[in-house]
Amino acid sequence: MTSFFPIAMHGGGDEIDLAPMVDIAFLLLTFFMMTTTFKTTDDVKVTLPTSTSTNKEPTEKYITVTIGDSATGNKIMVNMSSQKVRQDALGDILGGGDAGRAKALETKGFEIKKDDLYGVLNKARQSDGGQKVVFKCDKATKFGLVQELMVIMKKVNFQDVQMMTTLEK
């Protein structure tokens, strides 16, 4: 006679083998660790201007230039999505040598002076020419500063500059 419950046929304990479940958990963990990309952050909070554009922020190969509002002293923050580009472009400004390159590995943005922006963008372009520039500025930022920074980006030959805005409702 055949039993419907095969566990009972083998003298059956009520234990379940968890080894395959652990294997699957580690495979999923490894998969998510390998495919996750960390979003770079900036220390400057900006209130973006509004527009009707539906363009999305790029998810890879981008350089972010952020300008705070006039009340915070128009801080200029720069960050890159690629660690290699970040090290190449910001390593000298952050102290030079191995110490500067190690500090450039952080995912937060780095405050730079307006005079240093040309050199940083130029080094980033030399490191990887396929970068896009994402330009974020507070809606209270003076237009003259925005124009100066856009001229610098054009001098470095960045033709693909994307101004970030929030969608009008």
C-alpha atoms as a PDB file:
ATOM      1  CA  MET A   1       0.000   0.000   0.000  1.00  0.00           C
ATOM      2  CA  THR A   2       1.346   3.411  -0.961  1.00  0.00           C
ATOM      3  CA  SER A   3       1.206   6.180   1.544  1.00  0.00           C
ATOM      4  CA  PHE A   4       0.177   9.664   0.614  1.00  0.00           C
ATOM      5  CA  PHE A   5       2.672  11.098   3.114  1.00  0.00           C
ATOM      6  CA  PRO A   6       6.229  10.085   2.150  1.00  0.00           C
ATOM      7  CA  ILE A   7       7.661  11.386   5.444  1.00  0.00           C
ATOM      8  CA  ALA A   8       5.847   8.735   7.386  1.00  0.00           C
ATOM      9  CA  MET A   9       7.214   6.052   5.058  1.00  0.00           C
ATOM     10  CA  HIS A  10      10.794   6.809   5.949  1.00  0.00           C
ATOM     11  CA  GLY A  11      10.295   6.522   9.589  1.00  0.00           C
ATOM     12  CA  GLY A  12       9.727  10.131   9.535  1.00  0.00           C
ATOM     13  CA  GLY A  13      10.931  12.833  11.670  1.00  0.00           C
ATOM     14  CA  ASP A  14       9.162  16.127  11.606  1.00  0.00           C
ATOM     15  CA  GLU A  15      12.353  18.032  10.714  1.00  0.00           C
ATOM     16  CA  ILE A  16      12.747  20.017   7.508  1.00  0.00           C
ATOM     17  CA  ASP A  17      16.167  20.392   5.892  1.00  0.00           C
ATOM     18  CA  LEU A  18      16.943  24.123   5.846  1.00  0.00           C
ATOM     19  CA  ALA A  19      20.236  23.937   3.944  1.00  0.00           C
ATOM     20  CA  PRO A  20      18.676  24.754   0.535  1.00  0.00           C
ATOM     21  CA  MET A  21      16.830  27.735   2.055  1.00  0.00           C
ATOM     22  CA  VAL A  22      20.095  29.135   3.445  1.00  0.00           C
ATOM     23  CA  ASP A  23      21.752  28.683   0.036  1.00  0.00           C
ATOM     24  CA  ILE A  24      18.960  30.606  -1.658  1.00  0.00           C
ATOM     25  CA  ALA A  25      19.135  33.393   0.946  1.00  0.00           C
ATOM     26  CA  PHE A  26      22.875  33.836   0.353  1.00  0.00           C
ATOM     27  CA  LEU A  27      22.405  33.800  -3.417  1.00  0.00           C
ATOM     28  CA  LEU A  28      19.773  36.542  -3.143  1.00  0.00           C
ATOM     29  CA  LEU A  29      21.985  38.541  -0.795  1.00  0.00           C
ATOM     30  CA  THR A  30      24.919  38.252  -3.204  1.00  0.00           C
ATOM     31  CA  PHE A  31      22.719  39.231  -6.152  1.00  0.00           C
ATOM     32  CA  PHE A  32      21.433  42.391  -4.461  1.00  0.00           C
ATOM     33  CA  MET A  33      24.902  43.374  -3.238  1.00  0.00           C
ATOM     34  CA  MET A  34      26.335  43.071  -6.746  1.00  0.00           C
ATOM     35  CA  THR A  35      23.527  44.945  -8.532  1.00  0.00           C
ATOM     36  CA  THR A  36      22.938  47.802  -6.067  1.00  0.00           C
ATOM     37  CA  THR A  37      24.145  51.260  -7.005  1.00  0.00           C
ATOM     38  CA  PHE A  38      24.474  53.821  -4.250  1.00  0.00           C
ATOM     39  CA  LYS A  39      23.007  57.241  -4.806  1.00  0.00           C
ATOM     40  CA  THR A  40      25.400  60.085  -4.218  1.00  0.00           C
ATOM     41  CA  THR A  41      24.231  62.735  -1.789  1.00  0.00           C
ATOM     42  CA  ASP A  42      24.856  66.431  -1.265  1.00  0.00           C
ATOM     43  CA  ASP A  43      25.029  68.351   2.000  1.00  0.00           C
ATOM     44  CA  VAL A  44      23.253  71.336   0.469  1.00  0.00           C
ATOM     45  CA  LYS A  45      19.472  71.291   0.474  1.00  0.00           C
ATOM     46  CA  VAL A  46      17.996  73.031  -2.539  1.00  0.00           C
ATOM     47  CA  THR A  47      14.475  73.980  -3.488  1.00  0.00           C
ATOM     48  CA  LEU A  48      14.390  73.247  -7.189  1.00  0.00           C
ATOM     49  CA  PRO A  49      12.529  75.562  -9.582  1.00  0.00           C
ATOM     50  CA  THR A  50       9.448  74.172 -11.318  1.00  0.00           C
ATOM     51  CA  SER A  51       9.000  73.335 -14.989  1.00  0.00           C
ATOM     52  CA  THR A  52       6.920  71.166 -17.289  1.00  0.00           C
ATOM     53  CA  SER A  53       9.855  68.954 -18.322  1.00  0.00           C
ATOM     54  CA  THR A  54       9.515  65.242 -17.584  1.00  0.00           C
ATOM     55  CA  ASN A  55      13.210  64.359 -18.024  1.00  0.00           C
ATOM     56  CA  LYS A  56      14.548  62.047 -15.337  1.00  0.00           C
ATOM     57  CA  GLU A  57      17.856  62.387 -13.527  1.00  0.00           C
ATOM     58  CA  PRO A  58      20.457  60.036 -15.047  1.00  0.00           C
ATOM     59  CA  THR A  59      21.350  56.954 -13.017  1.00  0.00           C
ATOM     60  CA  GLU A  60      24.885  56.370 -14.306  1.00  0.00           C
ATOM     61  CA  LYS A  61      27.821  58.312 -15.744  1.00  0.00           C
ATOM     62  CA  TYR A  62      26.866  61.720 -14.409  1.00  0.00           C
ATOM     63  CA  ILE A  63      28.428  64.664 -12.609  1.00  0.00           C
ATOM     64  CA  THR A  64      26.253  66.653 -10.228  1.00  0.00           C
ATOM     65  CA  VAL A  65      26.915  70.354  -9.690  1.00  0.00           C
ATOM     66  CA  THR A  66      24.726  71.779  -6.915  1.00  0.00           C
ATOM     67  CA  ILE A  67      24.431  75.434  -5.880  1.00  0.00           C
ATOM     68  CA  GLY A  68      22.799  76.425  -2.610  1.00  0.00           C
ATOM     69  CA  ASP A  69      20.742  79.564  -2.207  1.00  0.00           C
ATOM     70  CA  SER A  70      22.181  83.009  -1.504  1.00  0.00           C
ATOM     71  CA  ALA A  71      21.305  82.744   2.209  1.00  0.00           C
ATOM     72  CA  THR A  72      23.739  79.829   2.641  1.00  0.00           C
ATOM     73  CA  GLY A  73      26.508  81.622   0.760  1.00  0.00           C
ATOM     74  CA  ASN A  74      25.937  79.939  -2.619  1.00  0.00           C
ATOM     75  CA  LYS A  75      27.825  76.771  -1.715  1.00  0.00           C
ATOM     76  CA  ILE A  76      28.960  74.886  -4.811  1.00  0.00           C
ATOM     77  CA  MET A  77      28.947  71.113  -4.342  1.00  0.00           C
ATOM     78  CA  VAL A  78      30.295  68.639  -6.908  1.00  0.00           C
ATOM     79  CA  ASN A  79      29.889  64.878  -7.037  1.00  0.00           C
ATOM     80  CA  MET A  80      30.324  62.110  -9.593  1.00  0.00           C
ATOM     81  CA  SER A  81      28.579  58.764  -9.958  1.00  0.00           C
ATOM     82  CA  SER A  82      31.819  56.933 -10.812  1.00  0.00           C
ATOM     83  CA  GLN A  83      34.402  56.391  -8.061  1.00  0.00           C
ATOM     84  CA  LYS A  84      37.274  56.472 -10.561  1.00  0.00           C
ATOM     85  CA  VAL A  85      36.152  59.798 -12.036  1.00  0.00           C
ATOM     86  CA  ARG A  86      35.611  61.186  -8.518  1.00  0.00           C
ATOM     87  CA  GLN A  87      39.153  60.179  -7.515  1.00  0.00           C
ATOM     88  CA  ASP A  88      40.707  61.583 -10.690  1.00  0.00           C
ATOM     89  CA  ALA A  89      38.823  64.895 -10.575  1.00  0.00           C
ATOM     90  CA  LEU A  90      38.736  65.611  -6.836  1.00  0.00           C
ATOM     91  CA  GLY A  91      41.861  63.856  -5.539  1.00  0.00           C
ATOM     92  CA  ASP A  92      44.155  66.893  -5.845  1.00  0.00           C
ATOM     93  CA  ILE A  93      41.656  69.337  -4.336  1.00  0.00           C
ATOM     94  CA  LEU A  94      40.993  67.067  -1.342  1.00  0.00           C
ATOM     95  CA  GLY A  95      44.609  66.945  -0.250  1.00  0.00           C
ATOM     96  CA  GLY A  96      46.414  65.239  -3.109  1.00  0.00           C
ATOM     97  CA  GLY A  97      48.141  61.880  -3.106  1.00  0.00           C
ATOM     98  CA  ASP A  98      46.628  58.759  -1.581  1.00  0.00           C
ATOM     99  CA  ALA A  99      44.863  60.697   1.194  1.00  0.00           C
ATOM    100  CA  GLY A 100      42.948  62.857  -1.298  1.00  0.00           C
ATOM    101  CA  ARG A 101      42.066  59.872  -3.480  1.00  0.00           C
ATOM    102  CA  ALA A 102      40.818  57.955  -0.416  1.00  0.00           C
ATOM    103  CA  LYS A 103      38.652  60.892   0.701  1.00  0.00           C
ATOM    104  CA  ALA A 104      37.190  61.116  -2.813  1.00  0.00           C
ATOM    105  CA  LEU A 105      35.681  57.648  -2.368  1.00  0.00           C
ATOM    106  CA  GLU A 106      32.972  59.041  -0.087  1.00  0.00           C
ATOM    107  CA  THR A 107      29.519  59.231  -1.666  1.00  0.00           C
ATOM    108  CA  LYS A 108      28.654  62.678  -0.349  1.00  0.00           C
ATOM    109  CA  GLY A 109      29.242  65.797  -2.385  1.00  0.00           C
ATOM    110  CA  PHE A 110      32.320  67.962  -1.964  1.00  0.00           C
ATOM    111  CA  GLU A 111      32.275  71.722  -1.586  1.00  0.00           C
ATOM    112  CA  ILE A 112      34.570  73.505  -4.014  1.00  0.00           C
ATOM    113  CA  LYS A 113      35.303  77.103  -4.940  1.00  0.00           C
ATOM    114  CA  LYS A 114      33.975  78.581  -8.153  1.00  0.00           C
ATOM    115  CA  ASP A 115      37.560  79.047  -9.373  1.00  0.00           C
ATOM    116  CA  ASP A 116      38.240  75.288  -8.973  1.00  0.00           C
ATOM    117  CA  LEU A 117      35.171  74.161 -10.933  1.00  0.00           C
ATOM    118  CA  TYR A 118      36.845  74.418 -14.346  1.00  0.00           C
ATOM    119  CA  GLY A 119      39.763  72.202 -13.263  1.00  0.00           C
ATOM    120  CA  VAL A 120      37.507  69.613 -11.607  1.00  0.00           C
ATOM    121  CA  LEU A 121      35.174  69.353 -14.606  1.00  0.00           C
ATOM    122  CA  ASN A 122      38.116  69.232 -17.014  1.00  0.00           C
ATOM    123  CA  LYS A 123      39.738  66.345 -15.106  1.00  0.00           C
ATOM    124  CA  ALA A 124      36.396  64.535 -14.932  1.00  0.00           C
ATOM    125  CA  ARG A 125      35.951  64.916 -18.696  1.00  0.00           C
ATOM    126  CA  GLN A 126      39.479  63.591 -19.308  1.00  0.00           C
ATOM    127  CA  SER A 127      38.817  60.629 -17.023  1.00  0.00           C
ATOM    128  CA  ASP A 128      35.573  59.679 -18.804  1.00  0.00           C
ATOM    129  CA  GLY A 129      34.302  61.713 -21.740  1.00  0.00           C
ATOM    130  CA  GLY A 130      30.805  60.197 -21.691  1.00  0.00           C
ATOM    131  CA  GLN A 131      29.694  61.968 -18.516  1.00  0.00           C
ATOM    132  CA  LYS A 132      26.537  64.073 -18.351  1.00  0.00           C
ATOM    133  CA  VAL A 133      26.300  67.111 -16.097  1.00  0.00           C
ATOM    134  CA  VAL A 134      23.284  67.394 -13.812  1.00  0.00           C
ATOM    135  CA  PHE A 135      22.938  70.992 -12.658  1.00  0.00           C
ATOM    136  CA  LYS A 136      20.906  71.599  -9.500  1.00  0.00           C
ATOM    137  CA  CYS A 137      20.429  75.084  -8.162  1.00  0.00           C
ATOM    138  CA  ASP A 138      18.106  76.590  -5.625  1.00  0.00           C
ATOM    139  CA  LYS A 139      15.343  78.703  -7.078  1.00  0.00           C
ATOM    140  CA  ALA A 140      16.572  81.629  -4.940  1.00  0.00           C
ATOM    141  CA  THR A 141      20.087  81.508  -6.462  1.00  0.00           C
ATOM    142  CA  LYS A 142      21.077  84.627  -8.387  1.00  0.00           C
ATOM    143  CA  PHE A 143      21.000  84.127 -12.153  1.00  0.00           C
ATOM    144  CA  GLY A 144      24.454  85.689 -12.635  1.00  0.00           C
ATOM    145  CA  LEU A 145      26.106  82.849 -10.702  1.00  0.00           C
ATOM    146  CA  VAL A 146      24.134  80.214 -12.620  1.00  0.00           C
ATOM    147  CA  GLN A 147      25.199  81.820 -15.896  1.00  0.00           C
ATOM    148  CA  GLU A 148      28.881  81.910 -14.827  1.00  0.00           C
ATOM    149  CA  LEU A 149      28.848  78.210 -13.967  1.00  0.00           C
ATOM    150  CA  MET A 150      27.122  77.288 -17.218  1.00  0.00           C
ATOM    151  CA  VAL A 151      29.802  79.221 -19.137  1.00  0.00           C
ATOM    152  CA  ILE A 152      32.461  77.197 -17.288  1.00  0.00           C
ATOM    153  CA  MET A 153      30.681  73.962 -18.265  1.00  0.00           C
ATOM    154  CA  LYS A 154      30.609  75.078 -21.889  1.00  0.00           C
ATOM    155  CA  LYS A 155      34.341  75.914 -21.787  1.00  0.00           C
ATOM    156  CA  VAL A 156      35.032  72.353 -20.632  1.00  0.00           C
ATOM    157  CA  ASN A 157      32.969  71.235 -23.640  1.00  0.00           C
ATOM    158  CA  PHE A 158      30.073  69.647 -21.756  1.00  0.00           C
ATOM    159  CA  GLN A 159      27.268  69.912 -24.283  1.00  0.00           C
ATOM    160  CA  ASP A 160      24.847  67.678 -22.369  1.00  0.00           C
ATOM    161  CA  VAL A 161      23.939  69.716 -19.274  1.00  0.00           C
ATOM    162  CA  GLN A 162      20.652  68.876 -17.619  1.00  0.00           C
ATOM    163  CA  MET A 163      19.026  71.400 -15.276  1.00  0.00           C
ATOM    164  CA  MET A 164      17.067  69.639 -12.542  1.00  0.00           C
ATOM    165  CA  THR A 165      13.591  70.948 -11.759  1.00  0.00           C
ATOM    166  CA  THR A 166      10.424  69.754 -10.081  1.00  0.00           C
ATOM    167  CA  LEU A 167       7.363  69.034 -12.188  1.00  0.00           C
ATOM    168  CA  GLU A 168       4.630  71.666 -12.158  1.00  0.00           C
ATOM    169  CA  LYS A 169       1.238  70.443 -11.080  1.00  0.00           C
END
